[in-house]
C-alpha atoms as a PDB file:
ATOM      1  CA  MET A   1      19.238 109.001 239.685  1.00  0.00           C
ATOM      2  CA  GLN A   2      20.365 111.934 240.412  1.00  0.00           C
ATOM      3  CA  GLU A   3      22.923 111.319 238.082  1.00  0.00           C
ATOM      4  CA  ASP A   4      20.161 110.488 234.899  1.00  0.00           C
ATOM      5  CA  VAL A   5      18.317 113.820 235.098  1.00  0.00           C
ATOM      6  CA  PRO A   6      20.998 115.989 233.465  1.00  0.00           C
ATOM      7  CA  ASN A   7      21.748 113.603 230.941  1.00  0.00           C
ATOM      8  CA  PHE A   8      17.966 113.172 230.232  1.00  0.00           C
ATOM      9  CA  ILE A   9      17.517 116.896 230.089  1.00  0.00           C
ATOM     10  CA  SER A  10      20.304 117.257 227.577  1.00  0.00           C
ATOM     11  CA  ASN A  11      18.499 114.450 225.528  1.00  0.00           C
ATOM     12  CA  PHE A  12      15.212 116.410 226.257  1.00  0.00           C
ATOM     13  CA  LYS A  13      13.515 117.331 222.291  1.00  0.00           C
ATOM     14  CA  GLU A  14      10.787 119.275 221.356  1.00  0.00           C
ATOM     15  CA  GLU A  15       8.154 117.115 219.265  1.00  0.00           C
ATOM     16  CA  ASP A  16       9.096 117.437 215.764  1.00  0.00           C
ATOM     17  CA  PRO A  17       6.310 119.745 213.917  1.00  0.00           C
ATOM     18  CA  ILE A  18       5.643 117.620 211.419  1.00  0.00           C
ATOM     19  CA  ASN A  19       3.981 114.743 213.588  1.00  0.00           C
ATOM     20  CA  LYS A  20       1.731 117.705 214.283  1.00  0.00           C
ATOM     21  CA  ILE A  21       0.917 118.132 210.892  1.00  0.00           C
ATOM     22  CA  ILE A  22       0.576 114.350 209.985  1.00  0.00           C
ATOM     23  CA  PHE A  23      -1.679 113.706 212.961  1.00  0.00           C
ATOM     24  CA  ASN A  24      -3.868 116.367 211.784  1.00  0.00           C
ATOM     25  CA  ILE A  25      -3.859 114.845 208.101  1.00  0.00           C
ATOM     26  CA  ILE A  26      -4.540 111.215 209.543  1.00  0.00           C
ATOM     27  CA  SER A  27      -7.320 112.984 212.028  1.00  0.00           C
ATOM     28  CA  LEU A  28      -9.473 114.722 209.215  1.00  0.00           C
ATOM     29  CA  ILE A  29      -9.165 111.191 207.248  1.00  0.00           C
ATOM     30  CA  LYS A  30     -10.295 108.881 210.602  1.00  0.00           C
ATOM     31  CA  THR A  31     -12.840 111.412 211.941  1.00  0.00           C
ATOM     32  CA  GLU A  32     -14.295 113.151 208.750  1.00  0.00           C
ATOM     33  CA  HIS A  33     -13.235 111.301 205.752  1.00  0.00           C
ATOM     34  CA  ASP A  34     -11.995 114.136 204.377  1.00  0.00           C
ATOM     35  CA  TYR A  35      -9.543 113.326 201.871  1.00  0.00           C
ATOM     36  CA  ASP A  36      -9.662 116.551 199.937  1.00  0.00           C
ATOM     37  CA  LEU A  37      -8.567 118.290 202.737  1.00  0.00           C
ATOM     38  CA  ALA A  38      -6.137 116.054 204.280  1.00  0.00           C
ATOM     39  CA  ILE A  39      -4.674 116.207 200.413  1.00  0.00           C
ATOM     40  CA  ASP A  40      -4.447 120.380 200.400  1.00  0.00           C
ATOM     41  CA  LEU A  41      -2.548 119.808 203.938  1.00  0.00           C
ATOM     42  CA  ILE A  42      -0.440 117.222 202.476  1.00  0.00           C
ATOM     43  CA  LYS A  43       0.563 119.477 199.558  1.00  0.00           C
ATOM     44  CA  GLN A  44       0.709 122.498 201.107  1.00  0.00           C
ATOM     45  CA  ASN A  45       3.170 121.062 203.864  1.00  0.00           C
ATOM     46  CA  ASN A  46       5.087 119.309 201.523  1.00  0.00           C
ATOM     47  CA  ILE A  47       4.742 116.033 202.744  1.00  0.00           C
ATOM     48  CA  LYS A  48       5.484 112.446 201.290  1.00  0.00           C
ATOM     49  CA  LEU A  49       3.065 109.106 202.021  1.00  0.00           C
ATOM     50  CA  GLU A  50       6.016 107.736 203.391  1.00  0.00           C
ATOM     51  CA  ASP A  51       6.458 110.188 206.200  1.00  0.00           C
ATOM     52  CA  ILE A  52       2.666 109.609 206.863  1.00  0.00           C
ATOM     53  CA  VAL A  53       3.262 105.895 206.911  1.00  0.00           C
ATOM     54  CA  SER A  54       6.653 105.791 209.041  1.00  0.00           C
ATOM     55  CA  ARG A  55       5.190 107.805 211.606  1.00  0.00           C
ATOM     56  CA  SER A  56       1.537 106.633 212.207  1.00  0.00           C
ATOM     57  CA  VAL A  57      -0.020 103.360 213.115  1.00  0.00           C
ATOM     58  CA  ARG A  58      -3.122 104.726 213.259  1.00  0.00           C
ATOM     59  CA  LEU A  59      -4.116 104.984 209.532  1.00  0.00           C
ATOM     60  CA  SER A  60      -5.745 101.690 207.981  1.00  0.00           C
ATOM     61  CA  LEU A  61      -4.218 100.219 204.677  1.00  0.00           C
ATOM     62  CA  VAL A  62      -7.154 100.850 203.330  1.00  0.00           C
ATOM     63  CA  ASP A  63      -7.706 104.302 204.201  1.00  0.00           C
ATOM     64  CA  PHE A  64      -4.135 104.828 202.894  1.00  0.00           C
ATOM     65  CA  ILE A  65      -4.708 103.071 199.374  1.00  0.00           C
ATOM     66  CA  LYS A  66      -7.681 105.605 199.286  1.00  0.00           C
ATOM     67  CA  LEU A  67      -5.660 108.653 199.974  1.00  0.00           C
ATOM     68  CA  ALA A  68      -2.899 107.354 197.802  1.00  0.00           C
ATOM     69  CA  ASP A  69      -5.083 106.574 194.590  1.00  0.00           C
ATOM     70  CA  LEU A  70      -6.880 110.250 194.990  1.00  0.00           C
ATOM     71  CA  MET A  71      -3.397 112.450 195.391  1.00  0.00           C
ATOM     72  CA  ILE A  72      -2.299 110.147 192.237  1.00  0.00           C
ATOM     73  CA  SER A  73      -5.843 111.062 190.643  1.00  0.00           C
ATOM     74  CA  ASN A  74      -5.589 114.816 191.420  1.00  0.00           C
ATOM     75  CA  LYS A  75      -1.573 114.837 190.350  1.00  0.00           C
ATOM     76  CA  GLY A  76      -2.499 117.324 187.554  1.00  0.00           C
ATOM     77  CA  LYS A  77      -4.590 119.520 189.042  1.00  0.00           C
END
């Protein structure tokens, strides 16, 4: 057991900051249904939709499609 402790400590990594941003984006969508503010966070942090999909299972397909649709329609703005 003692041999495992140094190995665990050496493999410890802080949480990736992008995960916190994605959590905030998903929370805005799930709790407040504020897609516009979520899109602003995505643009400010240069997040890709694939990052949101690969790092979260909380966003439903309907919510994801609506987010993608709004991002596409707002792309020129």
